[in-house]
Protein backbone atom coordinates (compact mmCIF):
# COMPACT_ATOMS: atom_id res chain seq x y z
CA UNK A 1 0.04 0.02 -0.13
CA UNK A 2 1.40 3.42 -1.00
CA UNK A 3 1.59 6.17 1.66
CA UNK A 4 0.91 9.80 1.15
CA UNK A 5 2.90 12.14 3.19
CA UNK A 6 2.49 15.79 3.88
CA UNK A 7 4.82 16.67 1.12
CA UNK A 8 2.65 14.76 -1.45
CA UNK A 9 -0.54 16.21 -0.15
CA UNK A 10 0.97 19.73 -0.72
CA UNK A 11 1.89 18.83 -4.33
CA UNK A 12 -1.80 17.69 -5.05
CA UNK A 13 -3.23 21.06 -3.58
CA UNK A 14 -0.58 23.19 -5.16
CA UNK A 15 -1.19 21.45 -8.52
CA UNK A 16 -4.92 21.97 -8.22
CA UNK A 17 -4.22 25.75 -7.29
CA UNK A 18 -1.89 26.28 -10.21
CA UNK A 19 -4.56 24.81 -12.61
CA UNK A 20 -7.16 27.08 -11.31
CA UNK A 21 -4.82 30.28 -11.70
CA UNK A 22 -3.83 29.50 -15.04
CA UNK A 23 -7.45 29.04 -16.28
CA UNK A 24 -8.90 32.12 -14.12
CA UNK A 25 -8.84 34.35 -17.21
CA UNK A 26 -10.06 31.68 -19.63
CA UNK A 27 -13.45 30.98 -21.21
CA UNK A 28 -16.47 29.14 -19.75
CA UNK A 29 -15.22 25.87 -20.80
CA UNK A 30 -11.95 26.34 -19.18
CA UNK A 31 -13.72 27.37 -16.03
CA UNK A 32 -15.79 24.28 -15.88
CA UNK A 33 -12.63 22.17 -16.69
CA UNK A 34 -10.84 23.80 -13.76
CA UNK A 35 -13.73 23.16 -11.55
CA UNK A 36 -13.74 19.42 -12.47
CA UNK A 37 -10.02 19.26 -12.24
CA UNK A 38 -10.23 20.64 -8.53
CA UNK A 39 -13.04 18.14 -7.55
CA UNK A 40 -10.92 15.20 -9.08
CA UNK A 41 -7.93 16.27 -7.15
CA UNK A 42 -9.70 16.80 -3.90
CA UNK A 43 -11.31 13.32 -4.24
CA UNK A 44 -7.72 11.82 -4.85
CA UNK A 45 -6.52 13.46 -1.82
CA UNK A 46 -9.20 12.23 0.34
CA UNK A 47 -8.84 8.54 -0.92
CA UNK A 48 -5.16 8.60 -0.25
CA UNK A 49 -5.69 10.24 3.20
CA UNK A 50 -8.18 7.83 4.32
CA UNK A 51 -6.10 4.67 3.01
CA UNK A 52 -3.29 6.09 5.05
CA UNK A 53 -5.31 6.58 8.09
CA UNK A 54 -6.75 3.09 7.63
CA UNK A 55 -3.27 1.44 7.60
CA UNK A 56 -1.29 3.43 9.90
CA UNK A 57 0.73 2.16 12.74
CA UNK A 58 -1.36 2.26 15.77
CA UNK A 59 1.85 2.46 17.84
CA UNK A 60 2.97 5.60 15.71
CA UNK A 61 -0.15 7.43 14.71
CA UNK A 62 0.15 10.08 12.01
CA UNK A 63 0.31 13.68 12.78
CA UNK A 64 -2.96 15.06 11.30
CA UNK A 65 -2.07 18.85 11.62
CA UNK A 66 -0.44 19.05 8.10
CA UNK A 67 -3.32 17.03 6.42
CA UNK A 68 -5.90 19.36 8.13
CA UNK A 69 -3.79 22.49 6.56
CA UNK A 70 -4.33 20.69 3.07
CA UNK A 71 -8.08 20.28 3.82
CA UNK A 72 -8.26 24.02 4.38
CA UNK A 73 -6.32 24.75 1.35
CA UNK A 74 -8.64 22.68 -0.84
CA UNK A 75 -11.54 24.32 0.87
CA UNK A 76 -10.14 27.71 0.02
CA UNK A 77 -9.50 26.81 -3.62
CA UNK A 78 -12.88 25.42 -3.91
CA UNK A 79 -14.31 28.67 -2.75
CA UNK A 80 -12.15 30.53 -5.19
CA UNK A 81 -13.65 28.67 -8.12
CA UNK A 82 -17.08 29.16 -7.03
CA UNK A 83 -16.31 32.89 -6.71
CA UNK A 84 -14.83 33.13 -9.96
CA UNK A 85 -18.08 31.61 -11.58
CA UNK A 86 -20.19 33.92 -9.47
CA UNK A 87 -18.26 36.93 -10.45
CA UNK A 88 -18.68 36.11 -14.11
CA UNK A 89 -22.36 35.73 -13.70
CA UNK A 90 -22.69 39.06 -11.96
CA UNK A 91 -20.47 40.82 -14.78
CA UNK A 92 -22.87 39.38 -17.40
CA UNK A 93 -25.84 40.68 -15.22
CA UNK A 94 -24.40 44.05 -15.21
CA UNK A 95 -23.72 44.02 -18.82
CA UNK A 96 -27.22 43.15 -19.47
CA UNK A 97 -28.20 46.13 -17.02
CA UNK A 98 -26.13 48.68 -19.10
CA UNK A 99 -27.46 47.56 -22.38
CA UNK A 100 -30.92 47.99 -21.00
CA UNK A 101 -30.45 51.31 -19.51
CA UNK A 102 -28.47 52.47 -22.73
CA UNK A 103 -31.39 51.41 -24.97
CA UNK A 104 -33.61 54.05 -22.91
CA UNK A 105 -31.33 56.61 -24.67
CA UNK A 106 -32.59 55.83 -28.33
CA UNK A 107 -34.00 58.93 -29.52
CA UNK A 108 -32.51 61.14 -26.82
CA UNK A 109 -30.26 64.06 -27.41
CA UNK A 110 -26.59 63.58 -26.10
CA UNK A 111 -23.32 65.22 -26.15
CA UNK A 112 -20.49 62.96 -27.10
CA UNK A 113 -16.89 64.06 -26.64
CA UNK A 114 -14.60 63.24 -29.70
CA UNK A 115 -11.89 65.01 -31.50
CA UNK A 116 -12.86 63.26 -34.69
CA UNK A 117 -16.21 64.52 -36.03
CA UNK A 118 -17.88 63.27 -39.26
CA UNK A 119 -19.47 66.13 -41.35
CA UNK A 120 -23.09 65.00 -42.44
CA UNK A 121 -23.85 68.23 -44.45
CA UNK A 122 -25.74 69.70 -41.57
CA UNK A 123 -23.92 72.37 -39.12
CA UNK A 124 -22.19 70.66 -36.32
CA UNK A 125 -23.27 71.70 -32.86
CA UNK A 126 -21.05 71.31 -29.93
CA UNK A 127 -20.12 72.60 -26.46
CA UNK A 128 -16.72 72.32 -24.39
CA UNK A 129 -15.76 72.62 -20.79
CA UNK A 130 -13.27 75.15 -19.78
CA UNK A 131 -11.66 75.95 -16.43
CA UNK A 132 -12.81 78.88 -14.58
CA UNK A 133 -9.60 80.89 -15.48
CA UNK A 134 -10.10 80.72 -19.13
CA UNK A 135 -10.59 83.86 -20.99
CA UNK A 136 -10.46 82.85 -24.66
CA UNK A 137 -10.86 79.91 -26.85
CA UNK A 138 -9.81 79.10 -30.37
CA UNK A 139 -11.35 76.44 -32.54
CA UNK A 140 -9.09 74.79 -35.22
CA UNK A 141 -10.48 72.27 -37.57
CA UNK A 142 -8.25 70.05 -39.73
CA UNK A 143 -9.08 67.69 -42.42
CA UNK A 144 -7.96 63.97 -42.50
CA UNK A 145 -4.71 64.94 -43.89
CA UNK A 146 -3.96 67.31 -40.77
CA UNK A 147 -4.28 70.50 -42.90
CA UNK A 148 -6.18 73.13 -40.89
CA UNK A 149 -9.11 74.30 -42.88
CA UNK A 150 -10.89 76.50 -40.46
CA UNK A 151 -9.98 78.61 -37.40
CA UNK A 152 -12.12 80.89 -35.39
CA UNK A 153 -12.11 82.52 -31.86
CA UNK A 154 -14.94 81.12 -29.43
CA UNK A 155 -16.82 82.79 -26.64
CA UNK A 156 -16.21 81.04 -23.22
CA UNK A 157 -19.65 81.84 -22.00
CA UNK A 158 -21.70 80.52 -24.96
CA UNK A 159 -23.61 77.62 -24.02
CA UNK A 160 -23.34 75.91 -27.54
CA UNK A 161 -21.36 76.68 -30.89
CA UNK A 162 -21.90 75.32 -34.22
CA UNK A 163 -19.70 75.00 -37.54
CA UNK A 164 -21.69 75.25 -40.73
CA UNK A 165 -19.18 73.25 -42.84
CA UNK A 166 -17.36 76.34 -44.47
CA UNK A 167 -13.57 76.58 -44.71
CA UNK A 168 -11.69 79.70 -43.83
CA UNK A 169 -10.61 80.05 -47.45
CA UNK A 170 -14.07 80.01 -48.84
CA UNK A 171 -14.44 76.28 -49.67
CA UNK A 172 -16.76 73.81 -48.08
CA UNK A 173 -16.62 70.43 -46.24
CA UNK A 174 -17.80 67.34 -47.94
CA UNK A 175 -20.38 65.21 -46.59
CA UNK A 176 -19.15 62.17 -45.31
CA UNK A 177 -15.58 63.38 -44.73
CA UNK A 178 -14.34 63.37 -41.05
CA UNK A 179 -12.60 66.34 -39.55
CA UNK A 180 -10.44 66.86 -36.55
CA UNK A 181 -11.61 69.41 -33.91
CA UNK A 182 -9.36 71.17 -31.38
CA UNK A 183 -10.17 73.91 -28.93
CA UNK A 184 -7.07 75.94 -27.57
CA UNK A 185 -7.87 77.52 -24.26
CA UNK A 186 -5.89 80.60 -22.79
CA UNK A 187 -5.96 82.63 -19.60
CA UNK A 188 -4.66 85.92 -21.02
CA UNK A 189 -1.69 85.04 -22.96
CA UNK A 190 -1.06 81.81 -21.02
CA UNK A 191 -2.01 78.60 -22.91
CA UNK A 192 -3.99 76.27 -20.85
CA UNK A 193 -4.19 73.33 -22.86
CA UNK A 194 -6.48 71.71 -25.83
CA UNK A 195 -9.83 70.07 -25.33
CA UNK A 196 -12.07 68.06 -27.64
CA UNK A 197 -15.64 69.33 -28.38
CA UNK A 198 -18.86 67.88 -27.05
CA UNK A 199 -20.90 67.22 -30.13
CA UNK A 200 -24.66 67.52 -29.67
CA UNK A 201 -26.36 64.65 -31.31
CA UNK A 202 -29.28 62.15 -31.19
CA UNK A 203 -28.86 58.29 -30.35
CA UNK A 204 -30.03 56.20 -33.29
CA UNK A 205 -28.77 52.79 -32.08
CA UNK A 206 -27.04 50.79 -29.22
CA UNK A 207 -24.73 47.84 -29.79
CA UNK A 208 -21.62 46.03 -28.50
CA UNK A 209 -18.14 46.17 -30.11
CA UNK A 210 -15.48 43.82 -28.95
CA UNK A 211 -17.38 43.43 -25.77
CA UNK A 212 -18.17 47.09 -25.04
CA UNK A 213 -21.23 48.87 -25.30
CA UNK A 214 -21.52 51.72 -27.95
CA UNK A 215 -23.86 54.13 -29.42
CA UNK A 216 -24.48 55.45 -32.83
CA UNK A 217 -25.97 58.79 -33.58
CA UNK A 218 -27.81 60.79 -36.23
CA UNK A 219 -24.38 62.67 -36.91
CA UNK A 220 -22.59 59.42 -38.01
CA UNK A 221 -20.66 59.85 -34.70
CA UNK A 222 -20.23 56.66 -32.66
CA UNK A 223 -18.50 56.10 -29.26
CA UNK A 224 -18.57 54.11 -26.10
CA UNK A 225 -20.57 55.37 -22.94
CA UNK A 226 -17.62 56.83 -21.43
CA UNK A 227 -17.62 59.52 -24.27
CA UNK A 228 -21.23 60.62 -23.45
CA UNK A 229 -20.94 63.63 -21.16
CA UNK A 230 -24.86 64.65 -21.23
CA UNK A 231 -28.13 63.16 -22.00
CA UNK A 232 -31.01 65.98 -22.58
CA UNK A 233 -34.35 64.48 -21.61
């Protein structure tokens, strides 16, 4: 009869822990396989321990302290496996809730922060956030080649601004083209930094892309929920 010692018990528990750690970030199939592996290793450990206790020398009984520690390790590991499964389930539920709440935005007017803005042929309405010390703002619009096509000074206290698609040289933007907006902020002659506009648009669809919830808008501007700054009811 083979005998299990504390070192072997530790090896079994460590093997199970390593398998669980390696598969913690895997798919649902991997998580199921990890759970099954831990269960099999635990059963093997109990069988070996039971056999050893049954065949131990009565005059020299085994020290059960270390085996109790291994049982505790397996118990902790089992809880970790169950926790991972529960967390994944909770994450899925949260994702469903986000989708449900975001779907309520359909038809709502929102402001989406984005440096790149598609031109649809209609005026681009936007706002921007400026620190209290800002006294001046300059809008610069560039085409996809990086060439500046429009520049103008903006009033800090205006709630919303718009660009009608006209260039500074008298030309006009082409519908469907995308342009880069940058707003330089100043406090007197001191440059404070550049911010992106918050484009005023209407939500037309909600979907997922690479696991992230995204919205589409009437201005052809799309973005994730983190880019939405305001929802106008």
